[in-house]
Amino acid sequence: MADLRDQLKHLFPDHQESEDAHDDQQQGQKFSPSDQSTPLICRYEKRKGKATTIIEGFEGDAEDLKSLAKTIKQQFSVGGGIKEHCIILQGDFRDQIMDFLKQKGYKTKRVGG
């Protein structure tokens, strides 16, 4: 990465690098379950005749949400994705996912049937 900075300094010698950019990169704080103020809502829906589990209410950024979705999908060997800041999983896994999230330190709430 230093090589790229050196090249940029060579191309743009008058540019002054801001310290804020370094602070944001160096902090690198990850979202933790204790940062979540409201419980994650786990609900069941049928979409196109198929069962889906929807987890919503996550308060972290998109990268943390993506990481959580990936962990859940790998743990339960299910397909799914992220849409409109919600994790959508194939199948009805509410109980297992709620237990898993509680072990991770998240508060959860079951909604619907």
Protein backbone atom coordinates (compact mmCIF):
# COMPACT_ATOMS: atom_id res chain seq x y z
CA MET A 1 0.00 0.00 0.00
CA ALA A 2 2.94 2.30 0.59
CA ASP A 3 3.92 1.84 -3.06
CA LEU A 4 0.56 3.20 -4.18
CA ARG A 5 0.91 6.22 -1.89
CA ASP A 6 4.38 6.89 -3.27
CA GLN A 7 3.04 6.74 -6.82
CA LEU A 8 0.19 9.10 -5.96
CA LYS A 9 2.60 11.54 -4.30
CA HIS A 10 4.70 11.45 -7.46
CA LEU A 11 1.66 12.13 -9.66
CA PHE A 12 0.14 14.79 -7.36
CA PRO A 13 3.00 16.49 -5.49
CA ASP A 14 0.81 19.40 -4.24
CA HIS A 15 -1.82 17.16 -2.62
CA GLN A 16 -1.93 17.17 1.18
CA GLU A 17 -3.13 13.90 2.70
CA SER A 18 -5.83 14.29 5.35
CA GLU A 19 -5.38 12.60 8.72
CA ASP A 20 -9.08 11.69 8.97
CA ALA A 21 -8.72 9.07 6.26
CA HIS A 22 -6.00 7.34 8.26
CA ASP A 23 -7.99 7.48 11.49
CA ASP A 24 -11.00 5.79 9.89
CA GLN A 25 -8.84 3.03 8.43
CA GLN A 26 -6.84 2.47 11.59
CA GLN A 27 -9.82 2.34 13.92
CA GLY A 28 -11.38 -0.64 12.12
CA GLN A 29 -13.83 -1.20 14.95
CA LYS A 30 -16.22 -4.03 14.25
CA PHE A 31 -19.84 -3.95 15.27
CA SER A 32 -20.42 -6.08 18.34
CA PRO A 33 -23.67 -7.63 19.57
CA SER A 34 -23.57 -5.35 22.63
CA ASP A 35 -23.84 -2.33 20.29
CA GLN A 36 -27.27 -3.57 19.16
CA SER A 37 -29.88 -1.59 21.15
CA THR A 38 -33.04 -3.24 19.76
CA PRO A 39 -33.62 -6.97 19.37
CA LEU A 40 -33.25 -8.65 16.00
CA ILE A 41 -36.67 -9.64 14.69
CA CYS A 42 -36.95 -13.17 13.28
CA ARG A 43 -40.09 -13.77 11.29
CA TYR A 44 -41.47 -16.40 8.96
CA GLU A 45 -42.98 -15.66 5.57
CA LYS A 46 -44.05 -17.60 2.55
CA ARG A 47 -42.70 -16.18 -0.67
CA LYS A 48 -43.79 -17.76 -3.93
CA GLY A 49 -45.08 -20.73 -1.93
CA LYS A 50 -41.75 -21.36 -0.21
CA ALA A 51 -40.85 -20.86 3.44
CA THR A 52 -38.43 -18.04 4.24
CA THR A 53 -36.94 -16.75 7.47
CA ILE A 54 -36.37 -13.01 7.64
CA ILE A 55 -34.05 -11.34 10.15
CA GLU A 56 -34.45 -7.59 10.41
CA GLY A 57 -33.54 -4.77 12.74
CA PHE A 58 -29.75 -5.04 12.46
CA GLU A 59 -28.12 -1.73 13.42
CA GLY A 60 -24.57 -2.21 12.11
CA ASP A 61 -23.23 -1.22 8.72
CA ALA A 62 -23.62 -3.19 5.51
CA GLU A 63 -20.30 -5.05 5.88
CA ASP A 64 -21.20 -6.31 9.36
CA LEU A 65 -24.64 -7.37 8.13
CA LYS A 66 -23.03 -9.21 5.22
CA SER A 67 -20.64 -10.96 7.58
CA LEU A 68 -23.45 -12.02 9.93
CA ALA A 69 -25.52 -13.33 7.01
CA LYS A 70 -22.56 -15.33 5.71
CA THR A 71 -21.95 -16.85 9.15
CA ILE A 72 -25.62 -17.86 9.54
CA LYS A 73 -25.79 -19.34 6.03
CA GLN A 74 -22.65 -21.40 6.61
CA GLN A 75 -23.75 -22.54 10.07
CA PHE A 76 -27.13 -23.82 8.86
CA SER A 77 -26.18 -24.73 5.28
CA VAL A 78 -28.96 -22.64 3.79
CA GLY A 79 -29.19 -20.25 0.90
CA GLY A 80 -30.25 -16.68 1.18
CA GLY A 81 -29.17 -13.12 0.79
CA ILE A 82 -29.46 -9.55 1.94
CA LYS A 83 -32.16 -7.22 0.70
CA GLU A 84 -33.21 -3.83 2.09
CA HIS A 85 -31.01 -4.28 5.21
CA CYS A 86 -32.69 -7.63 6.05
CA ILE A 87 -31.26 -11.13 5.95
CA ILE A 88 -33.53 -13.45 3.96
CA LEU A 89 -32.93 -17.20 4.34
CA GLN A 90 -34.52 -20.15 2.59
CA GLY A 91 -36.59 -22.35 4.90
CA ASP A 92 -38.06 -22.01 8.38
CA PHE A 93 -35.10 -21.92 10.77
CA ARG A 94 -36.37 -19.33 13.26
CA ASP A 95 -35.80 -21.33 16.42
CA GLN A 96 -32.31 -22.53 15.49
CA ILE A 97 -31.25 -19.09 14.26
CA MET A 98 -32.59 -17.39 17.37
CA ASP A 99 -30.60 -19.78 19.56
CA PHE A 100 -27.50 -19.19 17.45
CA LEU A 101 -27.89 -15.39 17.65
CA LYS A 102 -28.41 -15.56 21.43
CA GLN A 103 -25.17 -17.52 21.75
CA LYS A 104 -23.45 -14.77 19.74
CA GLY A 105 -24.82 -12.18 22.20
CA TYR A 106 -27.68 -10.67 20.21
CA LYS A 107 -31.14 -10.07 21.63
CA THR A 108 -33.82 -11.65 19.47
CA LYS A 109 -37.57 -11.50 19.17
CA ARG A 110 -39.82 -13.98 17.40
CA VAL A 111 -42.61 -12.45 15.31
CA GLY A 112 -45.46 -14.34 13.67
CA GLY A 113 -46.74 -17.93 13.83
